[in-house]
Protein backbone atom coordinates (compact mmCIF):
# COMPACT_ATOMS: atom_id res chain seq x y z
CA UNK A 1 40.81 -98.76 167.13
CA UNK A 2 37.96 -97.17 165.09
CA UNK A 3 38.79 -95.12 162.02
CA UNK A 4 37.78 -91.48 162.27
CA UNK A 5 36.62 -89.92 159.04
CA UNK A 6 36.92 -86.13 159.04
CA UNK A 7 33.99 -84.13 157.79
CA UNK A 8 34.40 -81.03 155.72
CA UNK A 9 32.15 -78.15 154.90
CA UNK A 10 32.01 -77.23 151.21
CA UNK A 11 33.33 -73.75 150.44
CA UNK A 12 31.27 -73.43 147.28
CA UNK A 13 27.87 -74.55 146.10
CA UNK A 14 29.24 -75.08 142.59
CA UNK A 15 30.91 -78.38 141.84
CA UNK A 16 34.58 -78.26 140.93
CA UNK A 17 35.14 -80.05 137.66
CA UNK A 18 38.17 -80.59 135.53
CA UNK A 19 38.14 -79.56 131.86
CA UNK A 20 37.23 -83.07 130.72
CA UNK A 21 34.31 -83.69 133.07
CA UNK A 22 30.71 -83.36 131.92
CA UNK A 23 28.20 -81.98 134.43
CA UNK A 24 25.20 -83.05 132.30
CA UNK A 25 25.92 -86.76 132.66
CA UNK A 26 25.93 -88.88 135.76
CA UNK A 27 28.19 -91.64 134.46
CA UNK A 28 31.92 -91.33 133.67
CA UNK A 29 32.81 -90.17 130.19
CA UNK A 30 34.92 -92.17 127.81
CA UNK A 31 37.35 -89.77 126.24
CA UNK A 32 38.21 -90.03 122.59
CA UNK A 33 41.26 -88.41 121.01
CA UNK A 34 40.73 -84.90 119.71
CA UNK A 35 42.08 -83.66 116.43
CA UNK A 36 42.80 -80.06 115.66
CA UNK A 37 41.55 -78.34 112.54
CA UNK A 38 44.30 -77.12 110.27
CA UNK A 39 45.35 -73.59 111.08
CA UNK A 40 44.54 -70.87 108.59
CA UNK A 41 45.66 -67.90 110.64
CA UNK A 42 48.49 -67.37 113.08
CA UNK A 43 47.46 -64.07 114.62
CA UNK A 44 46.34 -64.36 118.21
CA UNK A 45 45.57 -68.07 118.53
CA UNK A 46 47.71 -71.12 119.16
CA UNK A 47 48.86 -71.98 115.67
CA UNK A 48 45.72 -70.24 114.42
CA UNK A 49 43.38 -72.10 116.80
CA UNK A 50 41.12 -70.67 119.46
CA UNK A 51 39.06 -72.46 122.11
CA UNK A 52 35.44 -71.33 122.35
CA UNK A 53 32.20 -72.46 123.99
CA UNK A 54 30.17 -74.87 121.89
CA UNK A 55 26.88 -73.35 120.78
CA UNK A 56 25.25 -76.77 121.22
CA UNK A 57 26.24 -77.11 124.90
CA UNK A 58 23.63 -76.35 127.54
CA UNK A 59 23.94 -73.07 129.38
CA UNK A 60 24.16 -74.98 132.70
CA UNK A 61 27.07 -77.12 131.48
CA UNK A 62 28.86 -74.09 130.05
CA UNK A 63 28.40 -72.20 133.35
CA UNK A 64 29.93 -75.07 135.34
CA UNK A 65 32.88 -75.23 132.92
CA UNK A 66 33.26 -71.43 133.07
CA UNK A 67 33.37 -71.60 136.87
CA UNK A 68 36.12 -74.21 136.65
CA UNK A 69 38.14 -72.28 134.05
CA UNK A 70 38.06 -69.06 136.09
CA UNK A 71 38.58 -70.89 139.40
CA UNK A 72 40.77 -73.96 139.67
CA UNK A 73 41.70 -73.77 135.98
CA UNK A 74 43.58 -70.52 136.47
CA UNK A 75 42.24 -68.72 133.40
CA UNK A 76 42.63 -64.94 133.47
CA UNK A 77 39.00 -63.82 133.72
CA UNK A 78 39.51 -60.19 134.75
CA UNK A 79 38.40 -58.89 131.34
CA UNK A 80 34.99 -60.58 131.59
CA UNK A 81 34.14 -59.13 135.00
CA UNK A 82 31.67 -56.19 135.16
CA UNK A 83 33.45 -53.14 133.77
CA UNK A 84 36.08 -55.30 132.04
CA UNK A 85 36.94 -54.68 128.39
CA UNK A 86 35.40 -58.03 127.29
CA UNK A 87 32.37 -58.03 129.61
CA UNK A 88 29.98 -57.39 126.71
CA UNK A 89 28.25 -59.27 125.34
CA UNK A 90 27.20 -60.34 128.82
CA UNK A 91 26.30 -63.96 128.03
CA UNK A 92 27.47 -67.23 129.54
CA UNK A 93 28.68 -68.50 126.15
CA UNK A 94 30.63 -65.31 125.37
CA UNK A 95 32.28 -65.22 128.79
CA UNK A 96 33.03 -68.94 128.64
CA UNK A 97 34.65 -68.57 125.22
CA UNK A 98 36.97 -65.92 126.65
CA UNK A 99 37.81 -68.04 129.71
CA UNK A 100 38.22 -71.27 127.74
CA UNK A 101 40.63 -69.60 125.33
CA UNK A 102 42.60 -68.10 128.23
CA UNK A 103 42.94 -71.59 129.74
CA UNK A 104 43.82 -73.04 126.32
CA UNK A 105 46.65 -70.51 125.90
CA UNK A 106 48.07 -71.44 129.32
CA UNK A 107 47.76 -75.17 128.52
CA UNK A 108 48.47 -75.37 124.78
CA UNK A 109 47.50 -78.98 124.04
CA UNK A 110 44.41 -80.11 122.11
CA UNK A 111 42.90 -81.88 125.13
CA UNK A 112 42.83 -78.62 127.13
CA UNK A 113 39.97 -77.39 124.94
CA UNK A 114 37.24 -79.80 125.96
CA UNK A 115 35.63 -78.77 129.27
CA UNK A 116 33.36 -81.79 129.36
CA UNK A 117 32.29 -81.35 125.76
CA UNK A 118 31.30 -77.71 126.21
CA UNK A 119 34.23 -76.31 124.20
CA UNK A 120 35.52 -76.66 120.66
CA UNK A 121 38.53 -75.38 118.77
CA UNK A 122 38.10 -73.11 115.82
CA UNK A 123 40.46 -71.61 113.28
CA UNK A 124 38.28 -68.49 113.01
CA UNK A 125 39.36 -65.67 115.30
CA UNK A 126 36.37 -65.04 117.58
């Protein structure tokens, strides 16, 4: 009996990536352990750490990671929507930093602040 392979229609034109995937590379990434910087502040962050978008990451890669964080990642992104209290500055990196940190707070382990190399931890309150 022949095997029937179902076909599906994508619901989004954006790829769904997990926080450790890298949309700028075609080959699989080899993950290396992450270390956290020592905390110097305990107000607002996880042990004084925040997860923000890397300034060296491409805008395209950050946008893909932002889409993941606000979609499948479950970050609370209401504040970065138009009219939200953290909408400005209206830049991909600023919005991603907000979303990445929201995800990081929900998943408080060092590896949850990676997003394919587009995020870094900082001990400076953004």
